[in-house]
PDB file of N, CA and C in Angstrom:
ATOM      1  N   MET A   1      -9.138  18.704  15.616  1.00  0.00           N
ATOM      2  CA  MET A   1      -7.880  19.256  16.083  1.00  0.00           C
ATOM      3  C   MET A   1      -8.192  20.347  17.105  1.00  0.00           C
ATOM      4  N   VAL A   2      -7.565  20.264  18.256  1.00  0.00           N
ATOM      5  CA  VAL A   2      -7.831  21.245  19.308  1.00  0.00           C
ATOM      6  C   VAL A   2      -6.641  22.145  19.595  1.00  0.00           C
ATOM      7  N   ASP A   3      -5.453  21.762  19.153  1.00  0.00           N
ATOM      8  CA  ASP A   3      -4.252  22.535  19.454  1.00  0.00           C
ATOM      9  C   ASP A   3      -3.109  21.977  18.617  1.00  0.00           C
ATOM     10  N   SER A   4      -1.899  22.454  18.888  1.00  0.00           N
ATOM     11  CA  SER A   4      -0.721  21.857  18.264  1.00  0.00           C
ATOM     12  C   SER A   4       0.356  21.690  19.329  1.00  0.00           C
ATOM     13  N   TYR A   5       1.233  20.725  19.096  1.00  0.00           N
ATOM     14  CA  TYR A   5       2.315  20.419  20.018  1.00  0.00           C
ATOM     15  C   TYR A   5       3.438  19.827  19.186  1.00  0.00           C
ATOM     16  N   ASN A   6       4.648  20.298  19.385  1.00  0.00           N
ATOM     17  CA  ASN A   6       5.798  19.851  18.584  1.00  0.00           C
ATOM     18  C   ASN A   6       5.529  19.991  17.088  1.00  0.00           C
ATOM     19  N   ASP A   7       4.894  21.091  16.728  1.00  0.00           N
ATOM     20  CA  ASP A   7       4.618  21.416  15.325  1.00  0.00           C
ATOM     21  C   ASP A   7       3.760  20.359  14.622  1.00  0.00           C
ATOM     22  N   ARG A   8       2.912  19.677  15.391  1.00  0.00           N
ATOM     23  CA  ARG A   8       1.973  18.701  14.850  1.00  0.00           C
ATOM     24  C   ARG A   8       0.606  18.954  15.504  1.00  0.00           C
ATOM     25  N   PRO A   9      -0.466  18.520  14.858  1.00  0.00           N
ATOM     26  CA  PRO A   9      -1.793  18.726  15.455  1.00  0.00           C
ATOM     27  C   PRO A   9      -1.998  17.878  16.707  1.00  0.00           C
ATOM     28  N   VAL A  10      -2.851  18.373  17.598  1.00  0.00           N
ATOM     29  CA  VAL A  10      -3.297  17.626  18.773  1.00  0.00           C
ATOM     30  C   VAL A  10      -4.784  17.390  18.591  1.00  0.00           C
ATOM     31  N   TYR A  11      -5.207  16.149  18.748  1.00  0.00           N
ATOM     32  CA  TYR A  11      -6.608  15.776  18.601  1.00  0.00           C
ATOM     33  C   TYR A  11      -7.154  15.375  19.967  1.00  0.00           C
ATOM     34  N   LYS A  12      -8.422  15.697  20.219  1.00  0.00           N
ATOM     35  CA  LYS A  12      -9.060  15.313  21.484  1.00  0.00           C
ATOM     36  C   LYS A  12     -10.220  14.372  21.193  1.00  0.00           C
ATOM     37  N   GLN A  13     -10.355  13.372  22.024  1.00  0.00           N
ATOM     38  CA  GLN A  13     -11.442  12.405  21.913  1.00  0.00           C
ATOM     39  C   GLN A  13     -12.767  13.102  22.214  1.00  0.00           C
ATOM     40  N   ASP A  14     -13.742  12.936  21.337  1.00  0.00           N
ATOM     41  CA  ASP A  14     -15.076  13.480  21.583  1.00  0.00           C
ATOM     42  C   ASP A  14     -15.675  12.813  22.804  1.00  0.00           C
ATOM     43  N   GLY A  15     -16.090  13.601  23.774  1.00  0.00           N
ATOM     44  CA  GLY A  15     -16.736  13.060  24.963  1.00  0.00           C
ATOM     45  C   GLY A  15     -15.809  12.275  25.870  1.00  0.00           C
ATOM     46  N   GLY A  16     -14.515  12.439  25.722  1.00  0.00           N
ATOM     47  CA  GLY A  16     -13.556  11.696  26.540  1.00  0.00           C
ATOM     48  C   GLY A  16     -12.405  12.573  26.980  1.00  0.00           C
ATOM     49  N   GLU A  17     -11.417  11.949  27.589  1.00  0.00           N
ATOM     50  CA  GLU A  17     -10.283  12.684  28.147  1.00  0.00           C
ATOM     51  C   GLU A  17      -8.972  12.424  27.410  1.00  0.00           C
ATOM     52  N   ASN A  18      -8.995  11.644  26.341  1.00  0.00           N
ATOM     53  CA  ASN A  18      -7.765  11.271  25.664  1.00  0.00           C
ATOM     54  C   ASN A  18      -7.407  12.235  24.543  1.00  0.00           C
ATOM     55  N   TYR A  19      -6.099  12.376  24.347  1.00  0.00           N
ATOM     56  CA  TYR A  19      -5.552  13.203  23.282  1.00  0.00           C
ATOM     57  C   TYR A  19      -4.639  12.356  22.421  1.00  0.00           C
ATOM     58  N   ILE A  20      -4.491  12.743  21.171  1.00  0.00           N
ATOM     59  CA  ILE A  20      -3.487  12.160  20.287  1.00  0.00           C
ATOM     60  C   ILE A  20      -2.489  13.273  20.013  1.00  0.00           C
ATOM     61  N   TYR A  21      -1.225  13.025  20.297  1.00  0.00           N
ATOM     62  CA  TYR A  21      -0.195  14.057  20.143  1.00  0.00           C
ATOM     63  C   TYR A  21       1.132  13.408  19.756  1.00  0.00           C
ATOM     64  N   TYR A  22       2.017  14.225  19.205  1.00  0.00           N
ATOM     65  CA  TYR A  22       3.317  13.752  18.751  1.00  0.00           C
ATOM     66  C   TYR A  22       4.396  14.214  19.724  1.00  0.00           C
ATOM     67  N   SER A  23       5.269  13.302  20.113  1.00  0.00           N
ATOM     68  CA  SER A  23       6.403  13.622  20.963  1.00  0.00           C
ATOM     69  C   SER A  23       7.670  13.628  20.122  1.00  0.00           C
ATOM     70  N   SER A  24       8.282  14.791  19.972  1.00  0.00           N
ATOM     71  CA  SER A  24       9.524  14.862  19.189  1.00  0.00           C
ATOM     72  C   SER A  24      10.693  14.259  19.970  1.00  0.00           C
ATOM     73  N   ALA A  25      10.577  14.171  21.304  1.00  0.00           N
ATOM     74  CA  ALA A  25      11.646  13.573  22.117  1.00  0.00           C
ATOM     75  C   ALA A  25      11.837  12.099  21.791  1.00  0.00           C
ATOM     76  N   SER A  26      10.729  11.413  21.496  1.00  0.00           N
ATOM     77  CA  SER A  26      10.819   9.977  21.206  1.00  0.00           C
ATOM     78  C   SER A  26      10.374   9.634  19.783  1.00  0.00           C
ATOM     79  N   ASN A  27      10.079  10.656  18.962  1.00  0.00           N
ATOM     80  CA  ASN A  27       9.588  10.439  17.592  1.00  0.00           C
ATOM     81  C   ASN A  27       8.401   9.484  17.583  1.00  0.00           C
ATOM     82  N   THR A  28       7.443   9.750  18.464  1.00  0.00           N
ATOM     83  CA  THR A  28       6.322   8.843  18.682  1.00  0.00           C
ATOM     84  C   THR A  28       5.015   9.606  18.765  1.00  0.00           C
ATOM     85  N   TRP A  29       3.972   9.053  18.154  1.00  0.00           N
ATOM     86  CA  TRP A  29       2.616   9.532  18.372  1.00  0.00           C
ATOM     87  C   TRP A  29       2.056   8.768  19.559  1.00  0.00           C
ATOM     88  N   PHE A  30       1.440   9.481  20.504  1.00  0.00           N
ATOM     89  CA  PHE A  30       0.847   8.872  21.691  1.00  0.00           C
ATOM     90  C   PHE A  30      -0.643   9.168  21.766  1.00  0.00           C
ATOM     91  N   VAL A  31      -1.380   8.269  22.420  1.00  0.00           N
ATOM     92  CA  VAL A  31      -2.752   8.529  22.848  1.00  0.00           C
ATOM     93  C   VAL A  31      -2.714   8.449  24.360  1.00  0.00           C
ATOM     94  N   GLY A  32      -3.039   9.554  25.016  1.00  0.00           N
ATOM     95  CA  GLY A  32      -3.012   9.601  26.473  1.00  0.00           C
ATOM     96  C   GLY A  32      -3.817  10.774  26.995  1.00  0.00           C
ATOM     97  N   THR A  33      -3.873  10.904  28.301  1.00  0.00           N
ATOM     98  CA  THR A  33      -4.707  11.932  28.920  1.00  0.00           C
ATOM     99  C   THR A  33      -3.999  13.261  29.129  1.00  0.00           C
ATOM    100  N   VAL A  34      -2.661  13.284  29.056  1.00  0.00           N
ATOM    101  CA  VAL A  34      -1.905  14.517  29.256  1.00  0.00           C
ATOM    102  C   VAL A  34      -0.976  14.729  28.064  1.00  0.00           C
ATOM    103  N   VAL A  35      -1.204  15.803  27.325  1.00  0.00           N
ATOM    104  CA  VAL A  35      -0.370  16.110  26.152  1.00  0.00           C
ATOM    105  C   VAL A  35       1.062  16.376  26.609  1.00  0.00           C
ATOM    106  N   GLY A  36       1.999  15.701  25.977  1.00  0.00           N
ATOM    107  CA  GLY A  36       3.409  15.897  26.272  1.00  0.00           C
ATOM    108  C   GLY A  36       4.032  14.820  27.134  1.00  0.00           C
ATOM    109  N   HIS A  37       3.226  14.061  27.853  1.00  0.00           N
ATOM    110  CA  HIS A  37       3.780  12.979  28.669  1.00  0.00           C
ATOM    111  C   HIS A  37       4.265  11.842  27.774  1.00  0.00           C
ATOM    112  N   GLN A  38       5.277  11.150  28.230  1.00  0.00           N
ATOM    113  CA  GLN A  38       5.818  10.010  27.495  1.00  0.00           C
ATOM    114  C   GLN A  38       5.100   8.723  27.866  1.00  0.00           C
ATOM    115  N   TYR A  39       3.939   8.852  28.488  1.00  0.00           N
ATOM    116  CA  TYR A  39       3.149   7.689  28.867  1.00  0.00           C
ATOM    117  C   TYR A  39       1.787   7.818  28.210  1.00  0.00           C
ATOM    118  N   GLY A  40       1.298   6.744  27.669  1.00  0.00           N
ATOM    119  CA  GLY A  40      -0.019   6.764  27.056  1.00  0.00           C
ATOM    120  C   GLY A  40      -0.579   5.363  26.976  1.00  0.00           C
ATOM    121  N   TRP A  41      -1.753   5.257  26.357  1.00  0.00           N
ATOM    122  CA  TRP A  41      -2.425   3.959  26.206  1.00  0.00           C
ATOM    123  C   TRP A  41      -2.054   3.305  24.889  1.00  0.00           C
ATOM    124  N   LEU A  42      -1.826   4.142  23.891  1.00  0.00           N
ATOM    125  CA  LEU A  42      -1.440   3.675  22.560  1.00  0.00           C
ATOM    126  C   LEU A  42      -0.243   4.487  22.108  1.00  0.00           C
ATOM    127  N   LYS A  43       0.555   3.902  21.231  1.00  0.00           N
ATOM    128  CA  LYS A  43       1.665   4.666  20.661  1.00  0.00           C
ATOM    129  C   LYS A  43       2.002   4.133  19.275  1.00  0.00           C
ATOM    130  N   ASN A  44       2.636   4.994  18.506  1.00  0.00           N
ATOM    131  CA  ASN A  44       3.140   4.596  17.202  1.00  0.00           C
ATOM    132  C   ASN A  44       4.526   5.205  17.057  1.00  0.00           C
ATOM    133  N   SER A  45       5.531   4.360  17.176  1.00  0.00           N
ATOM    134  CA  SER A  45       6.911   4.815  17.041  1.00  0.00           C
ATOM    135  C   SER A  45       7.576   4.138  15.845  1.00  0.00           C
ATOM    136  N   SER A  46       6.749   3.767  14.870  1.00  0.00           N
ATOM    137  CA  SER A  46       7.280   3.122  13.668  1.00  0.00           C
ATOM    138  C   SER A  46       8.185   4.100  12.919  1.00  0.00           C
ATOM    139  N   GLU A  47       8.950   3.589  11.984  1.00  0.00           N
ATOM    140  CA  GLU A  47       9.864   4.431  11.220  1.00  0.00           C
ATOM    141  C   GLU A  47       9.145   5.581  10.529  1.00  0.00           C
ATOM    142  N   SER A  48       7.918   5.336  10.091  1.00  0.00           N
ATOM    143  CA  SER A  48       7.185   6.375   9.377  1.00  0.00           C
ATOM    144  C   SER A  48       6.530   7.402  10.304  1.00  0.00           C
ATOM    145  N   ALA A  49       6.474   7.127  11.612  1.00  0.00           N
ATOM    146  CA  ALA A  49       5.783   8.033  12.544  1.00  0.00           C
ATOM    147  C   ALA A  49       6.395   9.433  12.555  1.00  0.00           C
ATOM    148  N   SER A  50       7.710   9.518  12.527  1.00  0.00           N
ATOM    149  CA  SER A  50       8.343  10.834  12.620  1.00  0.00           C
ATOM    150  C   SER A  50       8.143  11.671  11.359  1.00  0.00           C
ATOM    151  N   SER A  51       7.868  11.026  10.241  1.00  0.00           N
ATOM    152  CA  SER A  51       7.692  11.779   8.991  1.00  0.00           C
ATOM    153  C   SER A  51       6.230  12.122   8.703  1.00  0.00           C
ATOM    154  N   LYS A  52       5.305  11.586   9.477  1.00  0.00           N
ATOM    155  CA  LYS A  52       3.880  11.837   9.222  1.00  0.00           C
ATOM    156  C   LYS A  52       3.388  13.000  10.071  1.00  0.00           C
ATOM    157  N   ARG A  53       2.679  13.920   9.436  1.00  0.00           N
ATOM    158  CA  ARG A  53       2.123  15.068  10.137  1.00  0.00           C
ATOM    159  C   ARG A  53       0.697  14.826  10.603  1.00  0.00           C
ATOM    160  N   TRP A  54      -0.009  13.924   9.955  1.00  0.00           N
ATOM    161  CA  TRP A  54      -1.424  13.721  10.233  1.00  0.00           C
ATOM    162  C   TRP A  54      -1.675  12.269  10.614  1.00  0.00           C
ATOM    163  N   ILE A  55      -2.493  12.053  11.607  1.00  0.00           N
ATOM    164  CA  ILE A  55      -2.803  10.711  12.105  1.00  0.00           C
ATOM    165  C   ILE A  55      -3.353   9.780  11.023  1.00  0.00           C
ATOM    166  N   PRO A  56      -4.266  10.232  10.149  1.00  0.00           N
ATOM    167  CA  PRO A  56      -4.791   9.277   9.150  1.00  0.00           C
ATOM    168  C   PRO A  56      -3.719   8.667   8.248  1.00  0.00           C
ATOM    169  N   ASP A  57      -2.531   9.289   8.191  1.00  0.00           N
ATOM    170  CA  ASP A  57      -1.452   8.731   7.380  1.00  0.00           C
ATOM    171  C   ASP A  57      -0.794   7.516   8.031  1.00  0.00           C
ATOM    172  N   LEU A  58      -1.042   7.288   9.316  1.00  0.00           N
ATOM    173  CA  LEU A  58      -0.434   6.167  10.035  1.00  0.00           C
ATOM    174  C   LEU A  58      -1.426   5.013  10.124  1.00  0.00           C
ATOM    175  N   LYS A  59      -1.456   4.198   9.118  1.00  0.00           N
ATOM    176  CA  LYS A  59      -2.405   3.077   9.057  1.00  0.00           C
ATOM    177  C   LYS A  59      -1.936   1.873   9.866  1.00  0.00           C
ATOM    178  N   THR A  60      -0.640   1.721  10.049  1.00  0.00           N
ATOM    179  CA  THR A  60      -0.099   0.572  10.774  1.00  0.00           C
ATOM    180  C   THR A  60       0.942   1.041  11.788  1.00  0.00           C
ATOM    181  N   GLY A  61       1.375   0.123  12.646  1.00  0.00           N
ATOM    182  CA  GLY A  61       2.443   0.422  13.594  1.00  0.00           C
ATOM    183  C   GLY A  61       1.969   0.794  14.982  1.00  0.00           C
ATOM    184  N   TRP A  62       0.672   0.715  15.243  1.00  0.00           N
ATOM    185  CA  TRP A  62       0.149   1.078  16.562  1.00  0.00           C
ATOM    186  C   TRP A  62       0.375  -0.045  17.568  1.00  0.00           C
ATOM    187  N   GLU A  63       0.790   0.332  18.761  1.00  0.00           N
ATOM    188  CA  GLU A  63       1.002  -0.607  19.862  1.00  0.00           C
ATOM    189  C   GLU A  63       0.161  -0.153  21.052  1.00  0.00           C
ATOM    190  N   TYR A  64      -0.184  -1.082  21.919  1.00  0.00           N
ATOM    191  CA  TYR A  64      -0.987  -0.737  23.092  1.00  0.00           C
ATOM    192  C   TYR A  64      -0.314  -1.235  24.361  1.00  0.00           C
ATOM    193  N   ARG A  65      -0.647  -0.566  25.449  1.00  0.00           N
ATOM    194  CA  ARG A  65      -0.166  -0.978  26.759  1.00  0.00           C
ATOM    195  C   ARG A  65      -1.248  -1.867  27.374  1.00  0.00           C
ATOM    196  N   PRO A  66      -0.920  -3.104  27.736  1.00  0.00           N
ATOM    197  CA  PRO A  66      -1.948  -4.004  28.294  1.00  0.00           C
ATOM    198  C   PRO A  66      -2.486  -3.476  29.626  1.00  0.00           C
ATOM    199  N   LEU A  67      -3.781  -3.674  29.845  1.00  0.00           N
ATOM    200  CA  LEU A  67      -4.400  -3.238  31.092  1.00  0.00           C
ATOM    201  C   LEU A  67      -4.001  -4.118  32.253  1.00  0.00           C
ATOM    202  N   VAL A  68      -3.847  -5.405  31.999  1.00  0.00           N
ATOM    203  CA  VAL A  68      -3.430  -6.350  33.036  1.00  0.00           C
ATOM    204  C   VAL A  68      -2.013  -6.792  32.702  1.00  0.00           C
ATOM    205  N   ARG A  69      -1.108  -6.544  33.655  1.00  0.00           N
ATOM    206  CA  ARG A  69       0.282  -6.910  33.421  1.00  0.00           C
ATOM    207  C   ARG A  69       0.788  -7.784  34.552  1.00  0.00           C
ATOM    208  N   SER A  70       1.759  -8.594  34.237  1.00  0.00           N
ATOM    209  CA  SER A  70       2.372  -9.433  35.269  1.00  0.00           C
ATOM    210  C   SER A  70       3.308  -8.569  36.118  1.00  0.00           C
ATOM    211  N   SER A  71       3.743  -9.082  37.237  1.00  0.00           N
ATOM    212  CA  SER A  71       4.651  -8.321  38.107  1.00  0.00           C
ATOM    213  C   SER A  71       5.970  -8.037  37.393  1.00  0.00           C
ATOM    214  N   ASP A  72       6.400  -8.928  36.493  1.00  0.00           N
ATOM    215  CA  ASP A  72       7.623  -8.691  35.728  1.00  0.00           C
ATOM    216  C   ASP A  72       7.474  -7.503  34.794  1.00  0.00           C
ATOM    217  N   SER A  73       6.298  -7.385  34.168  1.00  0.00           N
ATOM    218  CA  SER A  73       6.116  -6.323  33.176  1.00  0.00           C
ATOM    219  C   SER A  73       5.809  -4.976  33.814  1.00  0.00           C
ATOM    220  N   LEU A  74       5.503  -4.952  35.116  1.00  0.00           N
ATOM    221  CA  LEU A  74       5.236  -3.675  35.783  1.00  0.00           C
ATOM    222  C   LEU A  74       6.478  -2.795  35.831  1.00  0.00           C
ATOM    223  N   THR A  75       7.636  -3.416  35.904  1.00  0.00           N
ATOM    224  CA  THR A  75       8.872  -2.648  35.974  1.00  0.00           C
ATOM    225  C   THR A  75       9.458  -2.378  34.595  1.00  0.00           C
ATOM    226  N   SER A  76       8.936  -3.027  33.589  1.00  0.00           N
ATOM    227  CA  SER A  76       9.443  -2.802  32.231  1.00  0.00           C
ATOM    228  C   SER A  76       8.443  -1.965  31.436  1.00  0.00           C
ATOM    229  N   ASN A  77       8.880  -1.449  30.362  1.00  0.00           N
ATOM    230  CA  ASN A  77       8.044  -0.615  29.509  1.00  0.00           C
ATOM    231  C   ASN A  77       7.399  -1.506  28.445  1.00  0.00           C
ATOM    232  N   THR A  78       6.344  -2.224  28.822  1.00  0.00           N
ATOM    233  CA  THR A  78       5.736  -3.236  27.978  1.00  0.00           C
ATOM    234  C   THR A  78       4.719  -2.639  27.019  1.00  0.00           C
ATOM    235  N   TRP A  79       4.943  -2.844  25.743  1.00  0.00           N
ATOM    236  CA  TRP A  79       3.993  -2.461  24.695  1.00  0.00           C
ATOM    237  C   TRP A  79       3.753  -3.682  23.827  1.00  0.00           C
ATOM    238  N   LEU A  80       2.502  -3.891  23.408  1.00  0.00           N
ATOM    239  CA  LEU A  80       2.166  -5.043  22.583  1.00  0.00           C
ATOM    240  C   LEU A  80       1.673  -4.591  21.220  1.00  0.00           C
ATOM    241  N   SER A  81       1.953  -5.394  20.226  1.00  0.00           N
ATOM    242  CA  SER A  81       1.511  -5.075  18.867  1.00  0.00           C
ATOM    243  C   SER A  81       0.830  -6.277  18.220  1.00  0.00           C
ATOM    244  N   ASP A  82       0.251  -7.146  19.052  1.00  0.00           N
ATOM    245  CA  ASP A  82      -0.324  -8.388  18.540  1.00  0.00           C
ATOM    246  C   ASP A  82      -1.778  -8.260  18.089  1.00  0.00           C
ATOM    247  N   ASP A  83      -2.340  -7.060  18.115  1.00  0.00           N
ATOM    248  CA  ASP A  83      -3.723  -6.851  17.687  1.00  0.00           C
ATOM    249  C   ASP A  83      -3.718  -6.239  16.295  1.00  0.00           C
ATOM    250  N   GLY A  84      -3.899  -7.062  15.292  1.00  0.00           N
ATOM    251  CA  GLY A  84      -3.859  -6.612  13.903  1.00  0.00           C
ATOM    252  C   GLY A  84      -5.007  -5.699  13.513  1.00  0.00           C
ATOM    253  N   SER A  85      -6.050  -5.652  14.333  1.00  0.00           N
ATOM    254  CA  SER A  85      -7.196  -4.797  14.004  1.00  0.00           C
ATOM    255  C   SER A  85      -7.055  -3.393  14.580  1.00  0.00           C
ATOM    256  N   LEU A  86      -6.036  -3.151  15.392  1.00  0.00           N
ATOM    257  CA  LEU A  86      -5.864  -1.861  16.039  1.00  0.00           C
ATOM    258  C   LEU A  86      -5.480  -0.799  15.019  1.00  0.00           C
ATOM    259  N   ARG A  87      -6.302   0.248  14.948  1.00  0.00           N
ATOM    260  CA  ARG A  87      -5.994   1.371  14.071  1.00  0.00           C
ATOM    261  C   ARG A  87      -6.740   2.598  14.577  1.00  0.00           C
ATOM    262  N   ILE A  88      -6.266   3.735  14.186  1.00  0.00           N
ATOM    263  CA  ILE A  88      -6.918   4.990  14.531  1.00  0.00           C
ATOM    264  C   ILE A  88      -7.380   5.621  13.233  1.00  0.00           C
ATOM    265  N   GLU A  89      -8.649   5.977  13.192  1.00  0.00           N
ATOM    266  CA  GLU A  89      -9.214   6.572  11.981  1.00  0.00           C
ATOM    267  C   GLU A  89      -9.921   7.861  12.328  1.00  0.00           C
ATOM    268  N   SER A  90      -9.876   8.785  11.405  1.00  0.00           N
ATOM    269  CA  SER A  90     -10.643  10.012  11.594  1.00  0.00           C
ATOM    270  C   SER A  90     -12.090   9.744  11.186  1.00  0.00           C
ATOM    271  N   LEU A  91     -13.002  10.407  11.867  1.00  0.00           N
ATOM    272  CA  LEU A  91     -14.409  10.261  11.519  1.00  0.00           C
ATOM    273  C   LEU A  91     -14.669  10.953  10.186  1.00  0.00           C
ATOM    274  N   ARG A  92     -15.424  10.315   9.350  1.00  0.00           N
ATOM    275  CA  ARG A  92     -15.767  10.894   8.064  1.00  0.00           C
ATOM    276  C   ARG A  92     -17.096  11.628   8.194  1.00  0.00           C
ATOM    277  N   ASP A  93     -17.199  12.719   7.502  1.00  0.00           N
ATOM    278  CA  ASP A  93     -18.453  13.473   7.432  1.00  0.00           C
ATOM    279  C   ASP A  93     -18.997  13.847   8.802  1.00  0.00           C
ATOM    280  N   VAL A  94     -18.119  14.274   9.699  1.00  0.00           N
ATOM    281  CA  VAL A  94     -18.551  14.639  11.046  1.00  0.00           C
ATOM    282  C   VAL A  94     -19.560  15.778  11.001  1.00  0.00           C
ATOM    283  N   GLU A  95     -19.280  16.784  10.207  1.00  0.00           N
ATOM    284  CA  GLU A  95     -20.194  17.930  10.138  1.00  0.00           C
ATOM    285  C   GLU A  95     -21.550  17.514   9.580  1.00  0.00           C
ATOM    286  N   LYS A  96     -21.544  16.624   8.611  1.00  0.00           N
ATOM    287  CA  LYS A  96     -22.809  16.142   8.041  1.00  0.00           C
ATOM    288  C   LYS A  96     -23.631  15.390   9.099  1.00  0.00           C
ATOM    289  N   VAL A  97     -22.973  14.566   9.902  1.00  0.00           N
ATOM    290  CA  VAL A  97     -23.657  13.838  10.966  1.00  0.00           C
ATOM    291  C   VAL A  97     -24.216  14.823  11.989  1.00  0.00           C
ATOM    292  N   ASN A  98     -23.430  15.817  12.381  1.00  0.00           N
ATOM    293  CA  ASN A  98     -23.911  16.831  13.327  1.00  0.00           C
ATOM    294  C   ASN A  98     -25.122  17.574  12.777  1.00  0.00           C
ATOM    295  N   GLU A  99     -25.102  17.871  11.500  1.00  0.00           N
ATOM    296  CA  GLU A  99     -26.231  18.556  10.859  1.00  0.00           C
ATOM    297  C   GLU A  99     -27.492  17.685  10.905  1.00  0.00           C
ATOM    298  N   LEU A 100     -27.348  16.399  10.632  1.00  0.00           N
ATOM    299  CA  LEU A 100     -28.484  15.484  10.702  1.00  0.00           C
ATOM    300  C   LEU A 100     -29.047  15.401  12.121  1.00  0.00           C
ATOM    301  N   ILE A 101     -28.182  15.370  13.111  1.00  0.00           N
ATOM    302  CA  ILE A 101     -28.631  15.320  14.506  1.00  0.00           C
ATOM    303  C   ILE A 101     -29.400  16.592  14.853  1.00  0.00           C
ATOM    304  N   ARG A 102     -28.886  17.743  14.417  1.00  0.00           N
ATOM    305  CA  ARG A 102     -29.597  19.005  14.663  1.00  0.00           C
ATOM    306  C   ARG A 102     -30.965  18.996  13.997  1.00  0.00           C
ATOM    307  N   ASP A 103     -31.037  18.494  12.765  1.00  0.00           N
ATOM    308  CA  ASP A 103     -32.304  18.427  12.039  1.00  0.00           C
ATOM    309  C   ASP A 103     -33.320  17.547  12.771  1.00  0.00           C
ATOM    310  N   ILE A 104     -32.855  16.402  13.264  1.00  0.00           N
ATOM    311  CA  ILE A 104     -33.741  15.480  13.997  1.00  0.00           C
ATOM    312  C   ILE A 104     -34.257  16.151  15.267  1.00  0.00           C
ATOM    313  N   LYS A 105     -33.362  16.828  15.995  1.00  0.00           N
ATOM    314  CA  LYS A 105     -33.783  17.522  17.218  1.00  0.00           C
ATOM    315  C   LYS A 105     -34.787  18.618  16.901  1.00  0.00           C
ATOM    316  N   ASN A 106     -34.557  19.359  15.833  1.00  0.00           N
ATOM    317  CA  ASN A 106     -35.457  20.422  15.439  1.00  0.00           C
ATOM    318  C   ASN A 106     -36.827  19.857  15.056  1.00  0.00           C
ATOM    319  N   MET A 107     -36.854  18.717  14.385  1.00  0.00           N
ATOM    320  CA  MET A 107     -38.114  18.084  13.985  1.00  0.00           C
ATOM    321  C   MET A 107     -38.911  17.673  15.232  1.00  0.00           C
ATOM    322  N   LYS A 108     -38.221  17.173  16.257  1.00  0.00           N
ATOM    323  CA  LYS A 108     -38.905  16.765  17.495  1.00  0.00           C
ATOM    324  C   LYS A 108     -39.493  17.966  18.217  1.00  0.00           C
ATOM    325  N   GLU A 109     -38.790  19.106  18.154  1.00  0.00           N
ATOM    326  CA  GLU A 109     -39.287  20.315  18.810  1.00  0.00           C
ATOM    327  C   GLU A 109     -40.523  20.860  18.107  1.00  0.00           C
ATOM    328  N   ILE A 110     -40.595  20.677  16.790  1.00  0.00           N
ATOM    329  CA  ILE A 110     -41.741  21.157  16.009  1.00  0.00           C
ATOM    330  C   ILE A 110     -42.975  20.328  16.284  1.00  0.00           C
ATOM    331  N   ASP A 111     -42.791  19.024  16.462  1.00  0.00           N
ATOM    332  CA  ASP A 111     -43.924  18.113  16.728  1.00  0.00           C
ATOM    333  C   ASP A 111     -44.527  18.422  18.020  1.00  0.00           C
TER     334      ASP A 111
END
């Protein structure tokens, strides 16, 4: 979590430019490069989205904007939900992994 917006946490992609944030204007969680914009790469506007405070609580309902669109869909607000494997998960044991990486680096410096 790097900040808050609309009384919900804002998450930033490690090593990337994307954020996960909640828009109270549309009752939608978005993944995009600018916090607060109504445009993103992924969104979750399911019925449960407005009641969830934390991303890990949203296991289903994610939609994506296709990278390649037809000329008809360029003028429309096209979102697809046909990818059943699409989900957003928090990393588990991030601090433990970071500690292991530090230990490995320290071991290399000692050698």
